[in-house]
Amino acid sequence: MNGTTKLRRHVSASDVADGMVLLDERKGRYFKLNPSAALILRALLDGSSPDEVARVLVERYEVSEERAAADVDALTAELAGIGLVVA
């Protein structure tokens, strides 16, 4: 991934106490992200690179660099695959 992740025009995001909610306005569907997924997406949307986000995950959740990088890539690919973000 290249660090230019953006929400699609028809998607809105709201931070909630335990993560984030995405609304696909075209389909009327909500998607709930847990706190770590919300951290990943918010950082990517704010312009952080996937590597930078992975480093934050390593520090905050004490996971390996490989696991953190894989989680960032997997979430981005999943959200892109269901049409919520452009990565």
PDB file of N, CA and C in Angstrom:
ATOM      1  N   MET A   1       0.840  -1.179   0.000  1.00  0.00           N
ATOM      2  CA  MET A   1       0.000   0.000   0.000  1.00  0.00           C
ATOM      3  C   MET A   1       0.883   1.240   0.000  1.00  0.00           C
ATOM      4  N   ASN A   2       0.349   2.335  -0.506  1.00  0.00           N
ATOM      5  CA  ASN A   2       1.212   3.471  -0.778  1.00  0.00           C
ATOM      6  C   ASN A   2       1.058   4.670   0.146  1.00  0.00           C
ATOM      7  N   GLY A   3       0.245   4.588   1.166  1.00  0.00           N
ATOM      8  CA  GLY A   3       0.114   5.702   2.088  1.00  0.00           C
ATOM      9  C   GLY A   3      -0.859   6.777   1.649  1.00  0.00           C
ATOM     10  N   THR A   4      -1.660   6.521   0.622  1.00  0.00           N
ATOM     11  CA  THR A   4      -2.640   7.498   0.173  1.00  0.00           C
ATOM     12  C   THR A   4      -4.051   6.926   0.286  1.00  0.00           C
ATOM     13  N   THR A   5      -4.334   6.304   1.381  1.00  0.00           N
ATOM     14  CA  THR A   5      -5.649   5.715   1.608  1.00  0.00           C
ATOM     15  C   THR A   5      -6.673   6.822   1.822  1.00  0.00           C
ATOM     16  N   LYS A   6      -7.819   6.700   1.133  1.00  0.00           N
ATOM     17  CA  LYS A   6      -8.903   7.670   1.260  1.00  0.00           C
ATOM     18  C   LYS A   6     -10.224   6.927   1.303  1.00  0.00           C
ATOM     19  N   LEU A   7     -11.177   7.498   2.034  1.00  0.00           N
ATOM     20  CA  LEU A   7     -12.528   6.962   2.003  1.00  0.00           C
ATOM     21  C   LEU A   7     -13.136   7.252   0.638  1.00  0.00           C
ATOM     22  N   ARG A   8     -13.932   6.337   0.145  1.00  0.00           N
ATOM     23  CA  ARG A   8     -14.679   6.623  -1.085  1.00  0.00           C
ATOM     24  C   ARG A   8     -15.700   7.719  -0.792  1.00  0.00           C
ATOM     25  N   ARG A   9     -16.131   8.411  -1.811  1.00  0.00           N
ATOM     26  CA  ARG A   9     -17.046   9.551  -1.638  1.00  0.00           C
ATOM     27  C   ARG A   9     -18.333   9.178  -0.921  1.00  0.00           C
ATOM     28  N   HIS A  10     -18.803   7.986  -1.120  1.00  0.00           N
ATOM     29  CA  HIS A  10     -20.075   7.566  -0.545  1.00  0.00           C
ATOM     30  C   HIS A  10     -19.932   6.940   0.843  1.00  0.00           C
ATOM     31  N   VAL A  11     -18.756   7.078   1.448  1.00  0.00           N
ATOM     32  CA  VAL A  11     -18.494   6.480   2.762  1.00  0.00           C
ATOM     33  C   VAL A  11     -18.191   7.580   3.763  1.00  0.00           C
ATOM     34  N   SER A  12     -18.831   7.487   4.913  1.00  0.00           N
ATOM     35  CA  SER A  12     -18.520   8.412   6.004  1.00  0.00           C
ATOM     36  C   SER A  12     -18.029   7.603   7.197  1.00  0.00           C
ATOM     37  N   ALA A  13     -17.207   8.242   8.015  1.00  0.00           N
ATOM     38  CA  ALA A  13     -16.609   7.583   9.174  1.00  0.00           C
ATOM     39  C   ALA A  13     -16.923   8.378  10.425  1.00  0.00           C
ATOM     40  N   SER A  14     -17.214   7.661  11.499  1.00  0.00           N
ATOM     41  CA  SER A  14     -17.438   8.290  12.797  1.00  0.00           C
ATOM     42  C   SER A  14     -16.682   7.513  13.857  1.00  0.00           C
ATOM     43  N   ASP A  15     -15.903   8.235  14.654  1.00  0.00           N
ATOM     44  CA  ASP A  15     -15.246   7.604  15.785  1.00  0.00           C
ATOM     45  C   ASP A  15     -16.292   7.347  16.861  1.00  0.00           C
ATOM     46  N   VAL A  16     -16.211   6.193  17.482  1.00  0.00           N
ATOM     47  CA  VAL A  16     -17.078   5.836  18.597  1.00  0.00           C
ATOM     48  C   VAL A  16     -16.194   5.379  19.752  1.00  0.00           C
ATOM     49  N   ALA A  17     -16.781   5.210  20.912  1.00  0.00           N
ATOM     50  CA  ALA A  17     -16.004   4.904  22.116  1.00  0.00           C
ATOM     51  C   ALA A  17     -15.125   3.668  21.961  1.00  0.00           C
ATOM     52  N   ASP A  18     -15.601   2.682  21.232  1.00  0.00           N
ATOM     53  CA  ASP A  18     -14.839   1.428  21.112  1.00  0.00           C
ATOM     54  C   ASP A  18     -14.405   1.142  19.679  1.00  0.00           C
ATOM     55  N   GLY A  19     -14.033   2.198  18.942  1.00  0.00           N
ATOM     56  CA  GLY A  19     -13.533   1.999  17.584  1.00  0.00           C
ATOM     57  C   GLY A  19     -14.037   3.046  16.621  1.00  0.00           C
ATOM     58  N   MET A  20     -14.564   2.569  15.494  1.00  0.00           N
ATOM     59  CA  MET A  20     -15.025   3.466  14.437  1.00  0.00           C
ATOM     60  C   MET A  20     -16.154   2.766  13.684  1.00  0.00           C
ATOM     61  N   VAL A  21     -17.063   3.569  13.165  1.00  0.00           N
ATOM     62  CA  VAL A  21     -18.138   3.054  12.334  1.00  0.00           C
ATOM     63  C   VAL A  21     -18.023   3.706  10.968  1.00  0.00           C
ATOM     64  N   LEU A  22     -18.094   2.882   9.929  1.00  0.00           N
ATOM     65  CA  LEU A  22     -18.114   3.368   8.554  1.00  0.00           C
ATOM     66  C   LEU A  22     -19.508   3.159   7.993  1.00  0.00           C
ATOM     67  N   LEU A  23     -20.030   4.127   7.281  1.00  0.00           N
ATOM     68  CA  LEU A  23     -21.340   4.015   6.643  1.00  0.00           C
ATOM     69  C   LEU A  23     -21.163   4.091   5.139  1.00  0.00           C
ATOM     70  N   ASP A  24     -21.583   3.026   4.466  1.00  0.00           N
ATOM     71  CA  ASP A  24     -21.644   3.023   3.006  1.00  0.00           C
ATOM     72  C   ASP A  24     -23.005   3.589   2.642  1.00  0.00           C
ATOM     73  N   GLU A  25     -23.032   4.864   2.285  1.00  0.00           N
ATOM     74  CA  GLU A  25     -24.285   5.571   2.056  1.00  0.00           C
ATOM     75  C   GLU A  25     -25.043   5.050   0.838  1.00  0.00           C
ATOM     76  N   ARG A  26     -24.344   4.481  -0.135  1.00  0.00           N
ATOM     77  CA  ARG A  26     -25.031   3.932  -1.311  1.00  0.00           C
ATOM     78  C   ARG A  26     -25.835   2.695  -0.957  1.00  0.00           C
ATOM     79  N   LYS A  27     -25.277   1.862  -0.099  1.00  0.00           N
ATOM     80  CA  LYS A  27     -25.913   0.595   0.246  1.00  0.00           C
ATOM     81  C   LYS A  27     -26.650   0.648   1.579  1.00  0.00           C
ATOM     82  N   GLY A  28     -26.461   1.722   2.334  1.00  0.00           N
ATOM     83  CA  GLY A  28     -27.103   1.827   3.632  1.00  0.00           C
ATOM     84  C   GLY A  28     -26.567   0.813   4.637  1.00  0.00           C
ATOM     85  N   ARG A  29     -25.296   0.475   4.509  1.00  0.00           N
ATOM     86  CA  ARG A  29     -24.694  -0.532   5.397  1.00  0.00           C
ATOM     87  C   ARG A  29     -23.650   0.109   6.292  1.00  0.00           C
ATOM     88  N   TYR A  30     -23.641  -0.326   7.553  1.00  0.00           N
ATOM     89  CA  TYR A  30     -22.649   0.103   8.530  1.00  0.00           C
ATOM     90  C   TYR A  30     -21.601  -0.974   8.706  1.00  0.00           C
ATOM     91  N   PHE A  31     -20.371  -0.551   8.968  1.00  0.00           N
ATOM     92  CA  PHE A  31     -19.268  -1.465   9.242  1.00  0.00           C
ATOM     93  C   PHE A  31     -18.588  -0.975  10.513  1.00  0.00           C
ATOM     94  N   LYS A  32     -18.446  -1.842  11.482  1.00  0.00           N
ATOM     95  CA  LYS A  32     -17.843  -1.493  12.776  1.00  0.00           C
ATOM     96  C   LYS A  32     -16.399  -1.947  12.798  1.00  0.00           C
ATOM     97  N   LEU A  33     -15.501  -1.045  13.146  1.00  0.00           N
ATOM     98  CA  LEU A  33     -14.090  -1.376  13.295  1.00  0.00           C
ATOM     99  C   LEU A  33     -13.732  -1.374  14.773  1.00  0.00           C
ATOM    100  N   ASN A  34     -12.991  -2.384  15.202  1.00  0.00           N
ATOM    101  CA  ASN A  34     -12.544  -2.435  16.591  1.00  0.00           C
ATOM    102  C   ASN A  34     -11.472  -1.368  16.808  1.00  0.00           C
ATOM    103  N   PRO A  35     -11.033  -1.159  18.058  1.00  0.00           N
ATOM    104  CA  PRO A  35     -10.082  -0.077  18.322  1.00  0.00           C
ATOM    105  C   PRO A  35      -8.783  -0.157  17.510  1.00  0.00           C
ATOM    106  N   SER A  36      -8.214  -1.342  17.348  1.00  0.00           N
ATOM    107  CA  SER A  36      -6.961  -1.422  16.591  1.00  0.00           C
ATOM    108  C   SER A  36      -7.190  -1.154  15.107  1.00  0.00           C
ATOM    109  N   ALA A  37      -8.279  -1.641  14.548  1.00  0.00           N
ATOM    110  CA  ALA A  37      -8.595  -1.362  13.142  1.00  0.00           C
ATOM    111  C   ALA A  37      -8.882   0.124  12.947  1.00  0.00           C
ATOM    112  N   ALA A  38      -9.567   0.733  13.911  1.00  0.00           N
ATOM    113  CA  ALA A  38      -9.849   2.164  13.836  1.00  0.00           C
ATOM    114  C   ALA A  38      -8.549   2.967  13.873  1.00  0.00           C
ATOM    115  N   LEU A  39      -7.625   2.561  14.719  1.00  0.00           N
ATOM    116  CA  LEU A  39      -6.315   3.229  14.798  1.00  0.00           C
ATOM    117  C   LEU A  39      -5.608   3.151  13.450  1.00  0.00           C
ATOM    118  N   ILE A  40      -5.622   1.966  12.844  1.00  0.00           N
ATOM    119  CA  ILE A  40      -4.973   1.772  11.541  1.00  0.00           C
ATOM    120  C   ILE A  40      -5.601   2.692  10.499  1.00  0.00           C
ATOM    121  N   LEU A  41      -6.922   2.639  10.374  1.00  0.00           N
ATOM    122  CA  LEU A  41      -7.580   3.417   9.329  1.00  0.00           C
ATOM    123  C   LEU A  41      -7.419   4.910   9.570  1.00  0.00           C
ATOM    124  N   ARG A  42      -7.602   5.359  10.802  1.00  0.00           N
ATOM    125  CA  ARG A  42      -7.475   6.791  11.076  1.00  0.00           C
ATOM    126  C   ARG A  42      -6.073   7.281  10.716  1.00  0.00           C
ATOM    127  N   ALA A  43      -5.048   6.524  11.090  1.00  0.00           N
ATOM    128  CA  ALA A  43      -3.670   6.927  10.787  1.00  0.00           C
ATOM    129  C   ALA A  43      -3.429   6.970   9.279  1.00  0.00           C
ATOM    130  N   LEU A  44      -3.932   5.979   8.553  1.00  0.00           N
ATOM    131  CA  LEU A  44      -3.774   5.973   7.094  1.00  0.00           C
ATOM    132  C   LEU A  44      -4.503   7.151   6.459  1.00  0.00           C
ATOM    133  N   LEU A  45      -5.715   7.431   6.939  1.00  0.00           N
ATOM    134  CA  LEU A  45      -6.477   8.558   6.399  1.00  0.00           C
ATOM    135  C   LEU A  45      -5.791   9.887   6.710  1.00  0.00           C
ATOM    136  N   ASP A  46      -5.067   9.944   7.826  1.00  0.00           N
ATOM    137  CA  ASP A  46      -4.349  11.158   8.207  1.00  0.00           C
ATOM    138  C   ASP A  46      -3.012  11.302   7.482  1.00  0.00           C
ATOM    139  N   GLY A  47      -2.678  10.325   6.621  1.00  0.00           N
ATOM    140  CA  GLY A  47      -1.481  10.451   5.803  1.00  0.00           C
ATOM    141  C   GLY A  47      -0.274   9.641   6.234  1.00  0.00           C
ATOM    142  N   SER A  48      -0.407   8.867   7.306  1.00  0.00           N
ATOM    143  CA  SER A  48       0.712   8.013   7.715  1.00  0.00           C
ATOM    144  C   SER A  48       0.905   6.900   6.700  1.00  0.00           C
ATOM    145  N   SER A  49       2.153   6.488   6.544  1.00  0.00           N
ATOM    146  CA  SER A  49       2.436   5.364   5.653  1.00  0.00           C
ATOM    147  C   SER A  49       2.097   4.064   6.374  1.00  0.00           C
ATOM    148  N   PRO A  50       1.873   2.994   5.635  1.00  0.00           N
ATOM    149  CA  PRO A  50       1.634   1.701   6.280  1.00  0.00           C
ATOM    150  C   PRO A  50       2.756   1.302   7.239  1.00  0.00           C
ATOM    151  N   ASP A  51       4.000   1.607   6.879  1.00  0.00           N
ATOM    152  CA  ASP A  51       5.121   1.289   7.775  1.00  0.00           C
ATOM    153  C   ASP A  51       5.034   2.081   9.077  1.00  0.00           C
ATOM    154  N   GLU A  52       4.663   3.335   8.978  1.00  0.00           N
ATOM    155  CA  GLU A  52       4.512   4.159  10.193  1.00  0.00           C
ATOM    156  C   GLU A  52       3.398   3.611  11.078  1.00  0.00           C
ATOM    157  N   VAL A  53       2.297   3.217  10.469  1.00  0.00           N
ATOM    158  CA  VAL A  53       1.178   2.673  11.229  1.00  0.00           C
ATOM    159  C   VAL A  53       1.579   1.358  11.899  1.00  0.00           C
ATOM    160  N   ALA A  54       2.307   0.529  11.185  1.00  0.00           N
ATOM    161  CA  ALA A  54       2.763  -0.740  11.761  1.00  0.00           C
ATOM    162  C   ALA A  54       3.640  -0.490  12.983  1.00  0.00           C
ATOM    163  N   ARG A  55       4.498   0.518  12.925  1.00  0.00           N
ATOM    164  CA  ARG A  55       5.356   0.835  14.087  1.00  0.00           C
ATOM    165  C   ARG A  55       4.514   1.243  15.295  1.00  0.00           C
ATOM    166  N   VAL A  56       3.450   1.988  15.060  1.00  0.00           N
ATOM    167  CA  VAL A  56       2.560   2.380  16.155  1.00  0.00           C
ATOM    168  C   VAL A  56       1.906   1.137  16.764  1.00  0.00           C
ATOM    169  N   LEU A  57       1.476   0.213  15.920  1.00  0.00           N
ATOM    170  CA  LEU A  57       0.865  -1.026  16.426  1.00  0.00           C
ATOM    171  C   LEU A  57       1.851  -1.824  17.271  1.00  0.00           C
ATOM    172  N   VAL A  58       3.094  -1.897  16.829  1.00  0.00           N
ATOM    173  CA  VAL A  58       4.129  -2.623  17.574  1.00  0.00           C
ATOM    174  C   VAL A  58       4.273  -2.017  18.969  1.00  0.00           C
ATOM    175  N   GLU A  59       4.329  -0.702  19.032  1.00  0.00           N
ATOM    176  CA  GLU A  59       4.499  -0.026  20.319  1.00  0.00           C
ATOM    177  C   GLU A  59       3.267  -0.154  21.213  1.00  0.00           C
ATOM    178  N   ARG A  60       2.104   0.025  20.649  1.00  0.00           N
ATOM    179  CA  ARG A  60       0.882   0.048  21.449  1.00  0.00           C
ATOM    180  C   ARG A  60       0.410  -1.341  21.857  1.00  0.00           C
ATOM    181  N   TYR A  61       0.506  -2.308  20.944  1.00  0.00           N
ATOM    182  CA  TYR A  61      -0.065  -3.627  21.206  1.00  0.00           C
ATOM    183  C   TYR A  61       0.980  -4.719  21.426  1.00  0.00           C
ATOM    184  N   GLU A  62       2.260  -4.338  21.372  1.00  0.00           N
ATOM    185  CA  GLU A  62       3.346  -5.286  21.611  1.00  0.00           C
ATOM    186  C   GLU A  62       3.241  -6.536  20.735  1.00  0.00           C
ATOM    187  N   VAL A  63       3.028  -6.308  19.441  1.00  0.00           N
ATOM    188  CA  VAL A  63       3.020  -7.385  18.445  1.00  0.00           C
ATOM    189  C   VAL A  63       4.296  -7.265  17.617  1.00  0.00           C
ATOM    190  N   SER A  64       4.613  -8.300  16.877  1.00  0.00           N
ATOM    191  CA  SER A  64       5.812  -8.262  16.042  1.00  0.00           C
ATOM    192  C   SER A  64       5.606  -7.300  14.869  1.00  0.00           C
ATOM    193  N   GLU A  65       6.723  -6.836  14.322  1.00  0.00           N
ATOM    194  CA  GLU A  65       6.649  -5.952  13.158  1.00  0.00           C
ATOM    195  C   GLU A  65       5.964  -6.646  11.988  1.00  0.00           C
ATOM    196  N   GLU A  66       6.256  -7.928  11.809  1.00  0.00           N
ATOM    197  CA  GLU A  66       5.652  -8.684  10.705  1.00  0.00           C
ATOM    198  C   GLU A  66       4.136  -8.775  10.871  1.00  0.00           C
ATOM    199  N   ARG A  67       3.700  -9.058  12.082  1.00  0.00           N
ATOM    200  CA  ARG A  67       2.261  -9.165  12.354  1.00  0.00           C
ATOM    201  C   ARG A  67       1.581  -7.822  12.140  1.00  0.00           C
ATOM    202  N   ALA A  68       2.198  -6.760  12.647  1.00  0.00           N
ATOM    203  CA  ALA A  68       1.618  -5.428  12.509  1.00  0.00           C
ATOM    204  C   ALA A  68       1.503  -5.031  11.038  1.00  0.00           C
ATOM    205  N   ALA A  69       2.560  -5.260  10.264  1.00  0.00           N
ATOM    206  CA  ALA A  69       2.527  -4.925   8.835  1.00  0.00           C
ATOM    207  C   ALA A  69       1.465  -5.740   8.110  1.00  0.00           C
ATOM    208  N   ALA A  70       1.354  -7.014   8.452  1.00  0.00           N
ATOM    209  CA  ALA A  70       0.344  -7.872   7.826  1.00  0.00           C
ATOM    210  C   ALA A  70      -1.063  -7.402   8.174  1.00  0.00           C
ATOM    211  N   ASP A  71      -1.270  -6.968   9.415  1.00  0.00           N
ATOM    212  CA  ASP A  71      -2.589  -6.476   9.827  1.00  0.00           C
ATOM    213  C   ASP A  71      -2.969  -5.201   9.088  1.00  0.00           C
ATOM    214  N   VAL A  72      -2.010  -4.299   8.918  1.00  0.00           N
ATOM    215  CA  VAL A  72      -2.276  -3.057   8.179  1.00  0.00           C
ATOM    216  C   VAL A  72      -2.656  -3.389   6.734  1.00  0.00           C
ATOM    217  N   ASP A  73      -1.876  -4.247   6.099  1.00  0.00           N
ATOM    218  CA  ASP A  73      -2.159  -4.624   4.713  1.00  0.00           C
ATOM    219  C   ASP A  73      -3.497  -5.340   4.582  1.00  0.00           C
ATOM    220  N   ALA A  74      -3.784  -6.251   5.521  1.00  0.00           N
ATOM    221  CA  ALA A  74      -5.028  -7.021   5.450  1.00  0.00           C
ATOM    222  C   ALA A  74      -6.250  -6.125   5.612  1.00  0.00           C
ATOM    223  N   LEU A  75      -6.200  -5.210   6.568  1.00  0.00           N
ATOM    224  CA  LEU A  75      -7.345  -4.318   6.771  1.00  0.00           C
ATOM    225  C   LEU A  75      -7.554  -3.428   5.553  1.00  0.00           C
ATOM    226  N   THR A  76      -6.481  -2.861   5.046  1.00  0.00           N
ATOM    227  CA  THR A  76      -6.587  -1.984   3.878  1.00  0.00           C
ATOM    228  C   THR A  76      -7.156  -2.751   2.686  1.00  0.00           C
ATOM    229  N   ALA A  77      -6.665  -3.957   2.455  1.00  0.00           N
ATOM    230  CA  ALA A  77      -7.151  -4.763   1.329  1.00  0.00           C
ATOM    231  C   ALA A  77      -8.615  -5.130   1.519  1.00  0.00           C
ATOM    232  N   GLU A  78      -9.008  -5.465   2.749  1.00  0.00           N
ATOM    233  CA  GLU A  78     -10.409  -5.823   3.009  1.00  0.00           C
ATOM    234  C   GLU A  78     -11.330  -4.639   2.767  1.00  0.00           C
ATOM    235  N   LEU A  79     -10.968  -3.481   3.309  1.00  0.00           N
ATOM    236  CA  LEU A  79     -11.820  -2.283   3.137  1.00  0.00           C
ATOM    237  C   LEU A  79     -11.870  -1.854   1.668  1.00  0.00           C
ATOM    238  N   ALA A  80     -10.769  -1.973   0.953  1.00  0.00           N
ATOM    239  CA  ALA A  80     -10.760  -1.658  -0.479  1.00  0.00           C
ATOM    240  C   ALA A  80     -11.607  -2.667  -1.235  1.00  0.00           C
ATOM    241  N   GLY A  81     -11.503  -3.922  -0.846  1.00  0.00           N
ATOM    242  CA  GLY A  81     -12.251  -4.980  -1.533  1.00  0.00           C
ATOM    243  C   GLY A  81     -13.755  -4.838  -1.428  1.00  0.00           C
ATOM    244  N   ILE A  82     -14.229  -4.273  -0.320  1.00  0.00           N
ATOM    245  CA  ILE A  82     -15.683  -4.084  -0.164  1.00  0.00           C
ATOM    246  C   ILE A  82     -16.114  -2.664  -0.544  1.00  0.00           C
ATOM    247  N   GLY A  83     -15.177  -1.910  -1.136  1.00  0.00           N
ATOM    248  CA  GLY A  83     -15.529  -0.619  -1.714  1.00  0.00           C
ATOM    249  C   GLY A  83     -15.625   0.538  -0.750  1.00  0.00           C
ATOM    250  N   LEU A  84     -14.963   0.433   0.407  1.00  0.00           N
ATOM    251  CA  LEU A  84     -15.053   1.525   1.375  1.00  0.00           C
ATOM    252  C   LEU A  84     -13.907   2.522   1.265  1.00  0.00           C
ATOM    253  N   VAL A  85     -12.734   2.047   0.828  1.00  0.00           N
ATOM    254  CA  VAL A  85     -11.580   2.931   0.690  1.00  0.00           C
ATOM    255  C   VAL A  85     -10.928   2.738  -0.658  1.00  0.00           C
ATOM    256  N   VAL A  86     -10.153   3.728  -1.032  1.00  0.00           N
ATOM    257  CA  VAL A  86      -9.245   3.638  -2.173  1.00  0.00           C
ATOM    258  C   VAL A  86      -7.852   3.662  -1.567  1.00  0.00           C
ATOM    259  N   ALA A  87      -7.064   2.650  -1.898  1.00  0.00           N
ATOM    260  CA  ALA A  87      -5.718   2.556  -1.316  1.00  0.00           C
ATOM    261  C   ALA A  87      -4.672   2.648  -2.405  1.00  0.00           C
TER     262      ALA A  87
END
